[in-house]
Amino acid sequence: MPRDWCPFCPGSGKVPESYSTHLYRNDFAAFSPDDEPFFDSRGLYATTGARGVCDVVLYSPDHHKTPAQLTVDQWREVIGLWTTRGEELYATLGIAYVAIFENQGEAIGVTMPHPHGQIYALPVVPSLVATEIESARQNFDCYGECLHCRVIVEEIEAGVRIVASNDHFIAFVPHYCRFPSEVHLYARRHVGRLAELDPGAETQALASILSEVRRRYDGLYGFPLPLMMAVRQRSSNDDERKYAHLHIQFTPLQRSATKLKYLAAAETAHGLFLNDTRAEDQARALRQVPL
């Protein structure tokens, strides 16, 4: 096998000879639809088994293109694939949550630089997602409104942490950010999943702001930032419609042009994130990136 061989490139024999975006079944899946069936275990180590699906979303056939270099139309295709595949998976028996995400950069552990993300269909709701949804539920029970909608109002009123915005979406460095230059991208309208977006204007607006955020990240220090991107949606529980709000979280690891943010004892062992940057300053730096 040649050193520069990539399974995601046309000509590899693993993907079509021509494609724009493509859904690829993960060769090293952490979850499998053929795994042991669910069973009712009430002991200390009750488990669902590893039943699920792991897909790879290929953003482009161009091996050397970064996500920031995708056109708005290409991002719209990616969003379309996220949406249709996500809903297919939610319709699968036993799937509790569909996690759509991307890892970028060697510092994150990425070994395949071809532009791609992943979709995991899971038998459980991941703990961080469950905590976020539960907080939103408690806020709704207390105040009768969506917590995330309140966040959007606060950020628009403050103005100083906004990185990009359009008629349908807003991207900002949240006051409560854990990572330097962390950006949250919110749907202005209260929707719980990608499939609830208008397929015309709202989907186009999401593609546009995704493109802008990624270009601002790559321009911040002059190189593609090592980062994680996660699409937060409501789970398979329809009761969450009132308080689960579609948004995308970006967590870049770069503290500066030459330093990474490491998760040491305070963060990893205690969940206490220490951030030595101000959200307002990082938002300003991102806004000032020439596009």
Protein backbone atom coordinates (compact mmCIF):
# COMPACT_ATOMS: atom_id res chain seq x y z
CA MET A 1 0.00 0.00 0.00
CA PRO A 2 1.54 3.39 -0.98
CA ARG A 3 2.35 5.68 1.97
CA ASP A 4 0.11 8.42 0.63
CA TRP A 5 -2.82 6.07 -0.11
CA CYS A 6 -6.13 7.36 1.25
CA PRO A 7 -9.32 5.26 1.32
CA PHE A 8 -11.43 8.43 0.97
CA CYS A 9 -9.88 9.50 -2.34
CA PRO A 10 -11.35 8.54 -5.72
CA GLY A 11 -9.29 5.71 -7.16
CA SER A 12 -8.84 3.98 -3.80
CA GLY A 13 -11.43 1.33 -4.60
CA LYS A 14 -13.26 2.22 -1.37
CA VAL A 15 -15.30 5.16 -2.63
CA PRO A 16 -17.00 6.10 -5.91
CA GLU A 17 -14.73 7.30 -8.70
CA SER A 18 -16.62 10.58 -8.63
CA TYR A 19 -18.48 12.20 -5.75
CA SER A 20 -19.05 15.59 -4.11
CA THR A 21 -20.03 14.38 -0.63
CA HIS A 22 -20.21 10.74 0.37
CA LEU A 23 -21.36 8.61 3.31
CA TYR A 24 -18.73 5.99 4.17
CA ARG A 25 -19.18 3.17 6.68
CA ASN A 26 -16.42 3.43 9.30
CA ASP A 27 -13.83 0.67 8.85
CA PHE A 28 -13.05 0.70 12.58
CA ALA A 29 -16.50 1.26 14.06
CA ALA A 30 -16.91 1.62 17.80
CA PHE A 31 -20.59 0.66 17.46
CA SER A 32 -22.21 -1.91 15.20
CA PRO A 33 -25.82 -2.73 14.28
CA ASP A 34 -24.87 -6.40 14.60
CA ASP A 35 -23.66 -6.13 18.18
CA GLU A 36 -25.33 -8.04 20.97
CA PRO A 37 -29.01 -7.16 21.45
CA PHE A 38 -30.17 -4.93 24.25
CA PHE A 39 -30.99 -6.72 27.44
CA ASP A 40 -32.50 -5.81 30.79
CA SER A 41 -29.67 -5.87 33.30
CA ARG A 42 -30.33 -4.32 36.69
CA GLY A 43 -26.88 -4.85 38.20
CA LEU A 44 -24.11 -2.38 38.89
CA TYR A 45 -22.75 -2.76 35.36
CA ALA A 46 -26.01 -2.63 33.43
CA THR A 47 -25.26 -2.13 29.76
CA THR A 48 -26.95 -1.66 26.43
CA GLY A 49 -24.18 -3.32 24.47
CA ALA A 50 -22.43 -1.46 21.64
CA ARG A 51 -25.33 -1.50 19.21
CA GLY A 52 -25.30 1.46 16.89
CA VAL A 53 -23.82 2.84 13.70
CA CYS A 54 -20.60 4.69 12.89
CA ASP A 55 -20.54 6.59 9.59
CA VAL A 56 -17.92 8.85 8.07
CA VAL A 57 -19.09 11.90 6.12
CA LEU A 58 -16.65 12.78 3.35
CA TYR A 59 -16.90 16.52 2.73
CA SER A 60 -15.02 16.57 -0.58
CA PRO A 61 -13.07 14.26 -2.91
CA ASP A 62 -10.11 16.68 -2.67
CA HIS A 63 -7.68 15.17 -0.16
CA HIS A 64 -5.84 18.44 0.44
CA LYS A 65 -8.82 20.73 0.94
CA THR A 66 -9.49 21.86 4.51
CA PRO A 67 -13.06 22.32 5.79
CA ALA A 68 -12.42 26.07 5.77
CA GLN A 69 -11.83 25.87 2.02
CA LEU A 70 -15.20 24.29 1.27
CA THR A 71 -17.60 26.51 -0.62
CA VAL A 72 -20.97 27.45 0.86
CA ASP A 73 -22.61 25.07 -1.62
CA GLN A 74 -20.36 22.24 -0.45
CA TRP A 75 -21.27 22.96 3.18
CA ARG A 76 -24.92 22.87 2.17
CA GLU A 77 -24.40 19.39 0.72
CA VAL A 78 -22.71 18.28 3.94
CA ILE A 79 -25.62 19.65 6.00
CA GLY A 80 -28.05 17.81 3.72
CA LEU A 81 -26.21 14.55 4.32
CA TRP A 82 -26.10 15.16 8.08
CA THR A 83 -29.85 15.79 8.03
CA THR A 84 -31.08 12.87 5.92
CA ARG A 85 -28.75 10.33 7.49
CA GLY A 86 -29.47 11.60 10.97
CA GLU A 87 -33.20 11.16 10.57
CA GLU A 88 -32.72 7.70 9.05
CA LEU A 89 -30.76 6.71 12.12
CA TYR A 90 -33.25 8.23 14.55
CA ALA A 91 -35.90 6.04 12.92
CA THR A 92 -33.84 2.95 13.79
CA LEU A 93 -35.08 0.89 16.73
CA GLY A 94 -33.00 1.41 19.84
CA ILE A 95 -31.15 4.57 18.76
CA ALA A 96 -31.29 7.20 21.50
CA TYR A 97 -28.99 9.87 20.10
CA VAL A 98 -27.30 10.74 16.80
CA ALA A 99 -23.97 12.47 17.36
CA ILE A 100 -22.66 14.48 14.40
CA PHE A 101 -19.11 15.70 14.88
CA GLU A 102 -15.72 16.43 13.37
CA ASN A 103 -12.13 16.29 14.61
CA GLN A 104 -9.49 18.39 12.87
CA GLY A 105 -5.74 18.41 13.39
CA GLU A 106 -2.94 16.18 14.63
CA ALA A 107 -3.23 17.69 18.13
CA ILE A 108 -6.73 16.19 18.30
CA GLY A 109 -5.38 12.82 17.19
CA VAL A 110 -6.47 12.92 13.55
CA THR A 111 -4.41 10.60 11.34
CA MET A 112 -6.44 11.01 8.14
CA PRO A 113 -6.24 14.61 6.87
CA HIS A 114 -8.85 14.12 4.13
CA PRO A 115 -11.74 16.52 4.96
CA HIS A 116 -14.36 14.51 6.80
CA GLY A 117 -16.57 14.27 9.86
CA GLN A 118 -18.49 11.49 11.54
CA ILE A 119 -21.99 10.43 12.53
CA TYR A 120 -22.48 8.05 15.46
CA ALA A 121 -25.91 6.58 16.17
CA LEU A 122 -25.84 5.63 19.85
CA PRO A 123 -27.92 3.43 22.14
CA VAL A 124 -27.60 6.04 24.91
CA VAL A 125 -27.54 9.82 25.20
CA PRO A 126 -23.92 10.82 25.96
CA SER A 127 -23.46 12.22 29.47
CA LEU A 128 -22.48 15.78 28.49
CA VAL A 129 -25.40 16.01 26.07
CA ALA A 130 -27.77 14.59 28.69
CA THR A 131 -26.55 17.13 31.27
CA GLU A 132 -27.07 19.98 28.83
CA ILE A 133 -30.56 18.81 27.92
CA GLU A 134 -31.46 18.31 31.58
CA SER A 135 -30.32 21.86 32.42
CA ALA A 136 -32.49 23.15 29.60
CA ARG A 137 -35.44 21.14 30.93
CA GLN A 138 -35.01 22.54 34.43
CA ASN A 139 -34.85 26.07 33.08
CA PHE A 140 -38.02 25.50 31.04
CA ASP A 141 -39.84 24.09 34.07
CA CYS A 142 -38.77 27.10 36.13
CA TYR A 143 -39.16 29.95 33.65
CA GLY A 144 -41.38 28.54 30.90
CA GLU A 145 -38.92 29.36 28.10
CA CYS A 146 -36.00 27.81 26.26
CA LEU A 147 -32.66 28.33 28.01
CA HIS A 148 -30.84 28.56 24.68
CA CYS A 149 -33.25 31.18 23.39
CA ARG A 150 -32.43 33.20 26.53
CA VAL A 151 -28.71 32.83 25.77
CA ILE A 152 -29.26 34.18 22.24
CA VAL A 153 -31.10 37.23 23.58
CA GLU A 154 -28.34 37.91 26.14
CA GLU A 155 -25.59 37.61 23.54
CA ILE A 156 -27.36 39.89 21.05
CA GLU A 157 -27.94 42.49 23.78
CA ALA A 158 -24.30 42.32 24.92
CA GLY A 159 -22.99 42.33 21.34
CA VAL A 160 -19.32 42.05 22.32
CA ARG A 161 -18.98 38.28 22.01
CA ILE A 162 -20.61 37.84 18.59
CA VAL A 163 -18.29 36.50 15.88
CA ALA A 164 -20.70 36.21 12.94
CA SER A 165 -24.43 36.40 12.31
CA ASN A 166 -27.10 36.38 9.63
CA ASP A 167 -30.89 36.39 9.54
CA HIS A 168 -31.19 32.82 10.80
CA PHE A 169 -28.04 32.00 12.82
CA ILE A 170 -25.67 33.61 15.27
CA ALA A 171 -22.13 32.54 16.25
CA PHE A 172 -20.48 33.81 19.42
CA VAL A 173 -17.77 33.07 21.97
CA PRO A 174 -19.96 32.30 24.99
CA HIS A 175 -19.43 34.02 28.32
CA TYR A 176 -19.09 30.53 29.82
CA CYS A 177 -16.55 29.21 27.27
CA ARG A 178 -14.17 26.47 28.41
CA PHE A 179 -11.63 26.66 25.59
CA PRO A 180 -9.86 29.68 24.08
CA SER A 181 -11.81 30.84 21.01
CA GLU A 182 -14.66 28.39 21.69
CA VAL A 183 -17.59 29.32 19.44
CA HIS A 184 -21.23 28.30 19.70
CA LEU A 185 -23.38 28.60 16.61
CA TYR A 186 -27.12 28.86 17.31
CA ALA A 187 -30.28 28.74 15.24
CA ARG A 188 -32.14 31.97 15.99
CA ARG A 189 -35.47 30.18 15.64
CA HIS A 190 -36.26 27.53 18.23
CA VAL A 191 -35.71 24.21 16.47
CA GLY A 192 -34.48 20.98 18.00
CA ARG A 193 -32.94 19.16 15.04
CA LEU A 194 -31.45 19.84 11.63
CA ALA A 195 -34.50 18.28 10.00
CA GLU A 196 -36.67 21.04 11.47
CA LEU A 197 -34.81 23.75 9.57
CA ASP A 198 -36.39 25.27 6.49
CA PRO A 199 -34.62 23.47 3.61
CA GLY A 200 -34.28 26.75 1.75
CA ALA A 201 -33.27 29.94 3.53
CA GLU A 202 -32.34 28.49 6.92
CA THR A 203 -30.20 25.68 5.53
CA GLN A 204 -28.45 28.12 3.19
CA ALA A 205 -27.83 30.48 6.12
CA LEU A 206 -26.35 27.66 8.18
CA ALA A 207 -24.00 26.70 5.34
CA SER A 208 -22.95 30.33 4.97
CA ILE A 209 -22.16 30.92 8.64
CA LEU A 210 -20.41 27.54 8.96
CA SER A 211 -18.16 28.56 6.10
CA GLU A 212 -17.45 31.91 7.72
CA VAL A 213 -16.65 30.48 11.16
CA ARG A 214 -14.27 27.91 9.69
CA ARG A 215 -12.48 30.55 7.61
CA ARG A 216 -12.14 32.81 10.63
CA TYR A 217 -10.62 29.93 12.62
CA ASP A 218 -8.06 29.18 9.91
CA GLY A 219 -7.21 32.86 9.62
CA LEU A 220 -6.83 33.50 13.35
CA TYR A 221 -3.23 32.29 13.56
CA GLY A 222 -2.62 31.60 9.89
CA PHE A 223 -3.08 27.82 9.97
CA PRO A 224 -5.96 25.32 10.39
CA LEU A 225 -6.75 25.20 14.10
CA PRO A 226 -6.91 21.81 15.79
CA LEU A 227 -10.52 21.68 16.86
CA MET A 228 -13.59 19.62 17.54
CA MET A 229 -17.00 20.43 16.10
CA ALA A 230 -20.18 18.91 17.56
CA VAL A 231 -23.77 19.35 16.38
CA ARG A 232 -26.07 19.43 19.39
CA GLN A 233 -29.62 18.25 18.67
CA ARG A 234 -32.49 16.89 20.68
CA SER A 235 -32.45 13.17 21.27
CA SER A 236 -35.07 10.60 20.27
CA ASN A 237 -37.21 11.81 23.19
CA ASP A 238 -39.97 13.98 21.68
CA ASP A 239 -40.62 15.57 25.10
CA GLU A 240 -37.47 17.65 24.50
CA ARG A 241 -39.06 19.68 21.70
CA LYS A 242 -39.85 22.61 24.01
CA TYR A 243 -36.36 23.07 25.44
CA ALA A 244 -33.70 21.27 23.32
CA HIS A 245 -32.28 23.80 20.85
CA LEU A 246 -30.17 23.10 17.76
CA HIS A 247 -26.66 24.50 18.00
CA ILE A 248 -23.09 23.66 17.01
CA GLN A 249 -20.15 23.81 19.39
CA PHE A 250 -16.56 24.42 18.27
CA THR A 251 -13.77 23.68 20.72
CA PRO A 252 -10.35 24.65 19.34
CA LEU A 253 -7.29 23.65 21.38
CA GLN A 254 -5.00 26.52 20.38
CA ARG A 255 -4.31 29.01 23.23
CA SER A 256 -2.12 31.16 21.01
CA ALA A 257 -0.20 30.85 17.78
CA THR A 258 2.40 28.70 19.53
CA LYS A 259 0.64 27.10 22.50
CA LEU A 260 -2.02 24.43 22.94
CA LYS A 261 -4.64 24.22 25.66
CA TYR A 262 -3.97 21.03 27.60
CA LEU A 263 -6.59 19.33 29.74
CA ALA A 264 -4.63 18.70 32.91
CA ALA A 265 -5.74 17.77 36.44
CA ALA A 266 -8.05 20.74 36.97
CA GLU A 267 -9.99 19.99 33.78
CA THR A 268 -9.75 16.21 33.42
CA ALA A 269 -9.84 15.10 37.04
CA HIS A 270 -12.14 17.81 38.40
CA GLY A 271 -14.12 19.19 35.46
CA LEU A 272 -12.82 22.67 36.36
CA PHE A 273 -11.95 24.40 33.10
CA LEU A 274 -9.38 27.19 33.46
CA ASN A 275 -9.40 29.66 30.59
CA ASP A 276 -6.75 32.40 30.51
CA THR A 277 -8.47 34.35 27.75
CA ARG A 278 -11.50 36.65 27.82
CA ALA A 279 -14.43 35.67 25.63
CA GLU A 280 -14.82 39.27 24.47
CA ASP A 281 -11.15 39.49 23.39
CA GLN A 282 -11.25 36.21 21.48
CA ALA A 283 -14.50 37.18 19.75
CA ARG A 284 -12.92 40.47 18.68
CA ALA A 285 -9.84 38.65 17.34
CA LEU A 286 -12.03 36.31 15.31
CA ARG A 287 -14.15 39.19 13.96
CA GLN A 288 -11.00 40.98 12.82
CA VAL A 289 -9.76 38.07 10.71
CA PRO A 290 -9.76 39.26 7.09
CA LEU A 291 -11.85 37.02 4.86
